[in-house]
Amino acid sequence: MQPNKTILGALLKKFSPNFVWDFTKDSAKAIFDKLKDKFIKESKAFLTEEQLTKFIEKLTTREPNSTKNPYIDVDAVYQDIVDEPDEKFVEEFKKWLSDNAEMFKAAEIESNQTVTNYGIHNTGTFTNHGGGSIEITTTFKKR
């Protein structure tokens, strides 16, 4: 699903419209760590890392029901995951997103650079080592 078609995409469209949540990127791990610090350790809005992970998964895979106010969807997802929802969570989450906008922008740039600044260049070197194996040399070059 395209990032701008998800709940998280609707939330971030003003400051990071092409952000893609990718746990293989250090920047996404850093964002998740900040989320854990704020919403598990500090405010205790989530009791476990699993709850927070489910929350992020749903925000990054579901389409918003309300593009004008995606925080309605945030609240619905949150209430679906936790047994005793914190009524201040949506406001705290909205503020947290705003306070961490630069981190999302940096992650978006990191993701785009990975895709656009490097291409695969095959040197065309194929070597048969006599045992039936073929060595193929491929290099990555900056565009």
N, C-alpha and C. Protein backbone atom coordinates (compact mmCIF):
# COMPACT_ATOMS: atom_id res chain seq x y z
N MET A 1 0.84 -1.18 0.00
CA MET A 1 0.00 0.00 0.00
C MET A 1 0.89 1.24 0.00
N GLN A 2 0.51 2.21 -0.77
CA GLN A 2 1.28 3.45 -0.83
C GLN A 2 1.21 4.17 0.51
N PRO A 3 2.33 4.79 0.93
CA PRO A 3 2.35 5.42 2.26
C PRO A 3 1.30 6.50 2.44
N ASN A 4 1.00 7.26 1.40
CA ASN A 4 0.03 8.34 1.56
C ASN A 4 -1.41 7.84 1.57
N LYS A 5 -1.62 6.54 1.44
CA LYS A 5 -2.96 5.95 1.49
C LYS A 5 -3.24 5.29 2.84
N THR A 6 -2.31 5.41 3.78
CA THR A 6 -2.48 4.80 5.09
C THR A 6 -2.87 5.86 6.12
N ILE A 7 -3.27 5.38 7.28
CA ILE A 7 -3.60 6.31 8.37
C ILE A 7 -2.37 7.15 8.71
N LEU A 8 -1.20 6.49 8.86
CA LEU A 8 0.02 7.23 9.19
C LEU A 8 0.34 8.23 8.08
N GLY A 9 0.15 7.84 6.83
CA GLY A 9 0.39 8.75 5.71
C GLY A 9 -0.49 9.99 5.79
N ALA A 10 -1.75 9.79 6.17
CA ALA A 10 -2.67 10.93 6.33
C ALA A 10 -2.21 11.84 7.47
N LEU A 11 -1.66 11.24 8.53
CA LEU A 11 -1.19 12.04 9.66
C LEU A 11 0.06 12.85 9.31
N LEU A 12 0.91 12.29 8.47
CA LEU A 12 2.21 12.91 8.17
C LEU A 12 2.20 13.74 6.89
N LYS A 13 1.09 13.84 6.20
CA LYS A 13 1.09 14.45 4.86
C LYS A 13 1.59 15.88 4.82
N LYS A 14 1.47 16.61 5.91
CA LYS A 14 1.92 18.01 5.90
C LYS A 14 3.43 18.16 5.96
N PHE A 15 4.11 17.27 6.68
CA PHE A 15 5.55 17.46 6.84
C PHE A 15 6.40 16.30 6.33
N SER A 16 5.82 15.17 6.00
CA SER A 16 6.60 14.04 5.49
C SER A 16 5.69 13.14 4.65
N PRO A 17 5.23 13.62 3.50
CA PRO A 17 4.19 12.91 2.74
C PRO A 17 4.61 11.57 2.16
N ASN A 18 5.89 11.32 2.00
CA ASN A 18 6.33 10.06 1.39
C ASN A 18 7.05 9.14 2.37
N PHE A 19 6.84 9.37 3.67
CA PHE A 19 7.47 8.53 4.67
C PHE A 19 6.95 7.10 4.56
N VAL A 20 7.87 6.15 4.59
CA VAL A 20 7.51 4.73 4.57
C VAL A 20 8.09 4.10 5.82
N TRP A 21 7.24 3.41 6.58
CA TRP A 21 7.71 2.74 7.79
C TRP A 21 8.45 1.49 7.36
N ASP A 22 9.72 1.41 7.68
CA ASP A 22 10.56 0.28 7.30
C ASP A 22 11.50 -0.03 8.45
N PHE A 23 11.22 -1.12 9.17
CA PHE A 23 12.02 -1.46 10.34
C PHE A 23 13.45 -1.83 10.01
N THR A 24 13.75 -2.04 8.73
CA THR A 24 15.14 -2.33 8.38
C THR A 24 15.99 -1.07 8.39
N LYS A 25 15.37 0.08 8.42
CA LYS A 25 16.10 1.35 8.43
C LYS A 25 16.35 1.78 9.87
N ASP A 26 17.55 2.27 10.13
CA ASP A 26 17.89 2.76 11.47
C ASP A 26 16.97 3.88 11.91
N SER A 27 16.54 4.71 10.97
CA SER A 27 15.67 5.84 11.33
C SER A 27 14.32 5.36 11.86
N ALA A 28 13.76 4.30 11.27
CA ALA A 28 12.47 3.77 11.76
C ALA A 28 12.66 3.15 13.15
N LYS A 29 13.78 2.50 13.36
CA LYS A 29 14.06 1.94 14.69
C LYS A 29 14.18 3.05 15.72
N ALA A 30 14.81 4.15 15.33
CA ALA A 30 14.95 5.29 16.25
C ALA A 30 13.59 5.89 16.58
N ILE A 31 12.72 5.98 15.58
CA ILE A 31 11.37 6.50 15.81
C ILE A 31 10.62 5.56 16.76
N PHE A 32 10.73 4.26 16.52
CA PHE A 32 10.05 3.30 17.39
C PHE A 32 10.58 3.38 18.82
N ASP A 33 11.88 3.55 18.98
CA ASP A 33 12.45 3.70 20.32
C ASP A 33 11.89 4.93 21.02
N LYS A 34 11.74 6.03 20.28
CA LYS A 34 11.15 7.24 20.88
C LYS A 34 9.68 7.02 21.25
N LEU A 35 8.97 6.28 20.39
CA LEU A 35 7.57 5.93 20.70
C LEU A 35 7.50 5.10 21.98
N LYS A 36 8.40 4.12 22.11
CA LYS A 36 8.43 3.29 23.32
C LYS A 36 8.69 4.14 24.55
N ASP A 37 9.68 5.03 24.44
CA ASP A 37 10.00 5.89 25.58
C ASP A 37 8.79 6.72 26.01
N LYS A 38 8.11 7.29 25.05
CA LYS A 38 6.98 8.18 25.36
C LYS A 38 5.74 7.41 25.81
N PHE A 39 5.36 6.38 25.04
CA PHE A 39 4.04 5.78 25.26
C PHE A 39 4.03 4.46 26.02
N ILE A 40 5.19 3.91 26.32
CA ILE A 40 5.23 2.74 27.20
C ILE A 40 5.84 3.14 28.53
N LYS A 41 7.04 3.72 28.48
CA LYS A 41 7.76 4.04 29.72
C LYS A 41 7.18 5.27 30.42
N GLU A 42 6.94 6.34 29.66
CA GLU A 42 6.53 7.60 30.27
C GLU A 42 5.03 7.66 30.57
N SER A 43 4.21 7.63 29.52
CA SER A 43 2.76 7.82 29.74
C SER A 43 2.01 6.52 30.01
N LYS A 44 2.64 5.38 29.72
CA LYS A 44 2.03 4.07 29.93
C LYS A 44 0.72 3.89 29.17
N ALA A 45 0.63 4.55 28.01
CA ALA A 45 -0.55 4.40 27.16
C ALA A 45 -0.63 2.98 26.60
N PHE A 46 0.53 2.35 26.40
CA PHE A 46 0.60 0.94 26.00
C PHE A 46 1.34 0.20 27.11
N LEU A 47 0.90 -1.01 27.39
CA LEU A 47 1.54 -1.78 28.45
C LEU A 47 2.73 -2.59 27.96
N THR A 48 2.70 -2.94 26.65
CA THR A 48 3.77 -3.79 26.12
C THR A 48 4.24 -3.27 24.76
N GLU A 49 5.42 -3.72 24.39
CA GLU A 49 5.96 -3.39 23.07
C GLU A 49 5.10 -4.02 21.98
N GLU A 50 4.52 -5.18 22.27
CA GLU A 50 3.65 -5.85 21.29
C GLU A 50 2.43 -5.00 20.97
N GLN A 51 1.84 -4.37 21.99
CA GLN A 51 0.70 -3.49 21.74
C GLN A 51 1.10 -2.31 20.85
N LEU A 52 2.25 -1.72 21.15
CA LEU A 52 2.72 -0.59 20.35
C LEU A 52 3.03 -1.02 18.92
N THR A 53 3.61 -2.20 18.76
CA THR A 53 3.91 -2.72 17.43
C THR A 53 2.62 -2.94 16.64
N LYS A 54 1.60 -3.51 17.26
CA LYS A 54 0.30 -3.69 16.60
C LYS A 54 -0.28 -2.35 16.17
N PHE A 55 -0.16 -1.37 17.04
CA PHE A 55 -0.66 -0.02 16.75
C PHE A 55 0.02 0.54 15.50
N ILE A 56 1.34 0.46 15.44
CA ILE A 56 2.09 0.96 14.29
C ILE A 56 1.74 0.17 13.04
N GLU A 57 1.64 -1.15 13.16
CA GLU A 57 1.28 -1.98 12.00
C GLU A 57 -0.05 -1.56 11.41
N LYS A 58 -1.02 -1.31 12.28
CA LYS A 58 -2.34 -0.91 11.79
C LYS A 58 -2.31 0.49 11.17
N LEU A 59 -1.56 1.41 11.77
CA LEU A 59 -1.47 2.76 11.20
C LEU A 59 -0.79 2.73 9.83
N THR A 60 0.11 1.78 9.62
CA THR A 60 0.88 1.75 8.37
C THR A 60 0.27 0.82 7.32
N THR A 61 -0.82 0.13 7.64
CA THR A 61 -1.43 -0.77 6.66
C THR A 61 -2.89 -0.46 6.38
N ARG A 62 -3.55 0.25 7.23
CA ARG A 62 -4.97 0.55 7.03
C ARG A 62 -5.17 1.90 6.35
N GLU A 63 -6.20 1.96 5.53
CA GLU A 63 -6.59 3.23 4.94
C GLU A 63 -7.42 4.00 5.96
N PRO A 64 -7.28 5.33 5.97
CA PRO A 64 -8.07 6.11 6.93
C PRO A 64 -9.55 6.16 6.51
N ASN A 65 -10.41 6.13 7.50
CA ASN A 65 -11.84 6.34 7.23
C ASN A 65 -12.13 7.82 7.08
N SER A 66 -11.33 8.63 7.75
CA SER A 66 -11.51 10.07 7.72
C SER A 66 -10.19 10.73 7.30
N THR A 67 -10.12 11.19 6.05
CA THR A 67 -8.90 11.88 5.61
C THR A 67 -8.84 13.29 6.17
N LYS A 68 -9.99 13.86 6.53
CA LYS A 68 -9.99 15.20 7.12
C LYS A 68 -9.53 15.18 8.56
N ASN A 69 -9.83 14.10 9.27
CA ASN A 69 -9.40 13.98 10.66
C ASN A 69 -8.95 12.54 10.92
N PRO A 70 -7.73 12.19 10.50
CA PRO A 70 -7.26 10.82 10.71
C PRO A 70 -7.07 10.45 12.17
N TYR A 71 -7.13 11.43 13.06
CA TYR A 71 -6.99 11.12 14.49
C TYR A 71 -8.20 10.34 15.01
N ILE A 72 -9.32 10.42 14.29
CA ILE A 72 -10.46 9.56 14.63
C ILE A 72 -10.05 8.10 14.45
N ASP A 73 -9.33 7.82 13.36
CA ASP A 73 -8.85 6.46 13.12
C ASP A 73 -7.79 6.06 14.14
N VAL A 74 -6.92 6.99 14.51
CA VAL A 74 -5.90 6.72 15.52
C VAL A 74 -6.58 6.28 16.81
N ASP A 75 -7.61 7.01 17.21
CA ASP A 75 -8.33 6.68 18.44
C ASP A 75 -8.99 5.30 18.34
N ALA A 76 -9.59 5.00 17.20
CA ALA A 76 -10.25 3.70 17.01
C ALA A 76 -9.24 2.56 17.08
N VAL A 77 -8.10 2.73 16.42
CA VAL A 77 -7.06 1.70 16.44
C VAL A 77 -6.54 1.52 17.87
N TYR A 78 -6.26 2.63 18.54
CA TYR A 78 -5.74 2.58 19.90
C TYR A 78 -6.72 1.86 20.83
N GLN A 79 -8.00 2.24 20.77
CA GLN A 79 -8.99 1.62 21.65
C GLN A 79 -9.20 0.15 21.35
N ASP A 80 -8.96 -0.24 20.10
CA ASP A 80 -9.08 -1.64 19.71
C ASP A 80 -7.95 -2.49 20.30
N ILE A 81 -6.81 -1.87 20.58
CA ILE A 81 -5.62 -2.61 21.02
C ILE A 81 -5.50 -2.70 22.53
N VAL A 82 -5.78 -1.62 23.23
CA VAL A 82 -5.57 -1.61 24.68
C VAL A 82 -6.87 -1.88 25.43
N ASP A 83 -6.73 -2.50 26.60
CA ASP A 83 -7.91 -2.83 27.40
C ASP A 83 -8.48 -1.61 28.13
N GLU A 84 -7.58 -0.76 28.63
CA GLU A 84 -8.01 0.44 29.35
C GLU A 84 -7.38 1.66 28.69
N PRO A 85 -8.03 2.20 27.65
CA PRO A 85 -7.44 3.33 26.91
C PRO A 85 -7.32 4.60 27.75
N ASP A 86 -6.24 5.31 27.50
CA ASP A 86 -6.00 6.60 28.13
C ASP A 86 -6.71 7.66 27.30
N GLU A 87 -7.62 8.40 27.90
CA GLU A 87 -8.41 9.37 27.14
C GLU A 87 -7.58 10.53 26.59
N LYS A 88 -6.36 10.72 27.12
CA LYS A 88 -5.49 11.79 26.63
C LYS A 88 -4.55 11.32 25.52
N PHE A 89 -4.63 10.04 25.17
CA PHE A 89 -3.66 9.48 24.23
C PHE A 89 -3.63 10.21 22.89
N VAL A 90 -4.76 10.44 22.27
CA VAL A 90 -4.78 11.03 20.93
C VAL A 90 -4.12 12.41 20.94
N GLU A 91 -4.41 13.22 21.92
CA GLU A 91 -3.78 14.55 22.00
C GLU A 91 -2.27 14.42 22.23
N GLU A 92 -1.87 13.49 23.08
CA GLU A 92 -0.44 13.28 23.32
C GLU A 92 0.27 12.76 22.06
N PHE A 93 -0.41 11.88 21.32
CA PHE A 93 0.16 11.34 20.10
C PHE A 93 0.28 12.44 19.03
N LYS A 94 -0.73 13.27 18.93
CA LYS A 94 -0.70 14.39 17.98
C LYS A 94 0.47 15.32 18.29
N LYS A 95 0.66 15.63 19.55
CA LYS A 95 1.77 16.50 19.96
C LYS A 95 3.11 15.81 19.71
N TRP A 96 3.18 14.51 19.99
CA TRP A 96 4.41 13.77 19.79
C TRP A 96 4.80 13.79 18.30
N LEU A 97 3.84 13.58 17.41
CA LEU A 97 4.11 13.62 15.97
C LEU A 97 4.66 14.99 15.57
N SER A 98 4.01 16.03 16.05
CA SER A 98 4.44 17.39 15.72
C SER A 98 5.85 17.67 16.25
N ASP A 99 6.10 17.27 17.49
CA ASP A 99 7.41 17.49 18.10
C ASP A 99 8.52 16.72 17.41
N ASN A 100 8.17 15.62 16.75
CA ASN A 100 9.17 14.75 16.11
C ASN A 100 9.11 14.79 14.59
N ALA A 101 8.53 15.84 14.05
CA ALA A 101 8.39 15.97 12.59
C ALA A 101 9.73 15.87 11.87
N GLU A 102 10.76 16.48 12.43
CA GLU A 102 12.08 16.46 11.79
C GLU A 102 12.63 15.05 11.66
N MET A 103 12.34 14.21 12.63
CA MET A 103 12.81 12.83 12.58
C MET A 103 12.14 12.07 11.42
N PHE A 104 10.86 12.33 11.20
CA PHE A 104 10.16 11.70 10.09
C PHE A 104 10.69 12.22 8.75
N LYS A 105 10.98 13.51 8.68
CA LYS A 105 11.56 14.07 7.46
C LYS A 105 12.91 13.44 7.16
N ALA A 106 13.74 13.29 8.17
CA ALA A 106 15.06 12.69 7.99
C ALA A 106 14.93 11.24 7.53
N ALA A 107 13.97 10.52 8.10
CA ALA A 107 13.75 9.12 7.70
C ALA A 107 13.27 9.03 6.26
N GLU A 108 12.43 9.97 5.87
CA GLU A 108 11.93 10.00 4.48
C GLU A 108 13.09 10.27 3.52
N ILE A 109 13.95 11.19 3.87
CA ILE A 109 15.11 11.51 3.03
C ILE A 109 16.04 10.30 2.94
N GLU A 110 16.28 9.64 4.08
CA GLU A 110 17.14 8.45 4.10
C GLU A 110 16.58 7.38 3.16
N SER A 111 15.28 7.16 3.23
CA SER A 111 14.64 6.15 2.40
C SER A 111 14.74 6.51 0.92
N ASN A 112 14.48 7.76 0.59
CA ASN A 112 14.54 8.20 -0.81
C ASN A 112 15.96 8.15 -1.35
N GLN A 113 16.95 8.49 -0.54
CA GLN A 113 18.34 8.45 -1.00
C GLN A 113 18.76 7.02 -1.30
N THR A 114 18.31 6.10 -0.49
CA THR A 114 18.65 4.70 -0.72
C THR A 114 18.14 4.25 -2.08
N VAL A 115 16.96 4.69 -2.43
CA VAL A 115 16.36 4.27 -3.69
C VAL A 115 16.92 5.04 -4.88
N THR A 116 17.05 6.36 -4.75
CA THR A 116 17.37 7.16 -5.94
C THR A 116 18.85 7.41 -6.18
N ASN A 117 19.68 7.34 -5.17
CA ASN A 117 21.09 7.69 -5.36
C ASN A 117 21.98 6.51 -5.73
N TYR A 118 21.45 5.33 -5.68
CA TYR A 118 22.25 4.16 -6.01
C TYR A 118 21.54 3.33 -7.06
N GLY A 119 22.31 2.80 -7.97
CA GLY A 119 21.78 1.91 -8.97
C GLY A 119 22.68 0.69 -9.05
N ILE A 120 22.16 -0.38 -9.57
CA ILE A 120 22.98 -1.58 -9.73
C ILE A 120 23.67 -1.49 -11.08
N HIS A 121 24.96 -1.71 -11.06
CA HIS A 121 25.72 -1.70 -12.30
C HIS A 121 26.41 -3.05 -12.42
N ASN A 122 26.03 -3.82 -13.42
CA ASN A 122 26.66 -5.11 -13.65
C ASN A 122 27.86 -4.89 -14.56
N THR A 123 29.02 -5.29 -14.10
CA THR A 123 30.24 -5.06 -14.88
C THR A 123 30.35 -5.99 -16.07
N GLY A 124 29.53 -7.01 -16.13
CA GLY A 124 29.60 -7.93 -17.24
C GLY A 124 30.70 -8.97 -17.10
N THR A 125 31.27 -9.12 -15.95
CA THR A 125 32.33 -10.10 -15.74
C THR A 125 31.72 -11.42 -15.29
N PHE A 126 31.83 -12.39 -16.13
CA PHE A 126 31.35 -13.73 -15.81
C PHE A 126 32.54 -14.66 -15.91
N THR A 127 32.85 -15.36 -14.83
CA THR A 127 34.03 -16.21 -14.81
C THR A 127 33.61 -17.62 -14.43
N ASN A 128 33.98 -18.59 -15.23
CA ASN A 128 33.72 -19.98 -14.91
C ASN A 128 34.98 -20.53 -14.26
N HIS A 129 34.87 -21.03 -13.04
CA HIS A 129 36.02 -21.53 -12.31
C HIS A 129 36.27 -23.01 -12.55
N GLY A 130 35.69 -23.56 -13.54
CA GLY A 130 35.95 -24.95 -13.91
C GLY A 130 35.14 -25.96 -13.12
N GLY A 131 34.63 -25.61 -12.00
CA GLY A 131 33.86 -26.54 -11.19
C GLY A 131 32.37 -26.37 -11.38
N GLY A 132 31.99 -25.67 -12.41
CA GLY A 132 30.58 -25.44 -12.67
C GLY A 132 30.05 -24.17 -12.03
N SER A 133 30.86 -23.47 -11.23
CA SER A 133 30.38 -22.23 -10.62
C SER A 133 30.69 -21.05 -11.52
N ILE A 134 29.85 -20.07 -11.49
CA ILE A 134 30.03 -18.85 -12.28
C ILE A 134 30.08 -17.68 -11.32
N GLU A 135 31.08 -16.85 -11.45
CA GLU A 135 31.21 -15.66 -10.61
C GLU A 135 30.64 -14.48 -11.39
N ILE A 136 29.70 -13.78 -10.79
CA ILE A 136 29.10 -12.61 -11.40
C ILE A 136 29.47 -11.42 -10.55
N THR A 137 30.10 -10.43 -11.14
CA THR A 137 30.52 -9.26 -10.40
C THR A 137 29.50 -8.15 -10.59
N THR A 138 28.96 -7.67 -9.49
CA THR A 138 28.00 -6.58 -9.52
C THR A 138 28.48 -5.52 -8.55
N THR A 139 28.42 -4.27 -8.96
CA THR A 139 28.82 -3.18 -8.07
C THR A 139 27.70 -2.18 -7.96
N PHE A 140 27.70 -1.47 -6.85
CA PHE A 140 26.76 -0.38 -6.66
C PHE A 140 27.53 0.91 -6.88
N LYS A 141 27.03 1.76 -7.71
CA LYS A 141 27.68 3.03 -7.97
C LYS A 141 26.71 4.16 -7.71
N LYS A 142 27.22 5.24 -7.14
CA LYS A 142 26.42 6.42 -6.92
C LYS A 142 26.06 7.04 -8.26
N ARG A 143 24.82 7.42 -8.43
CA ARG A 143 24.39 8.02 -9.69
C ARG A 143 24.81 9.45 -9.78
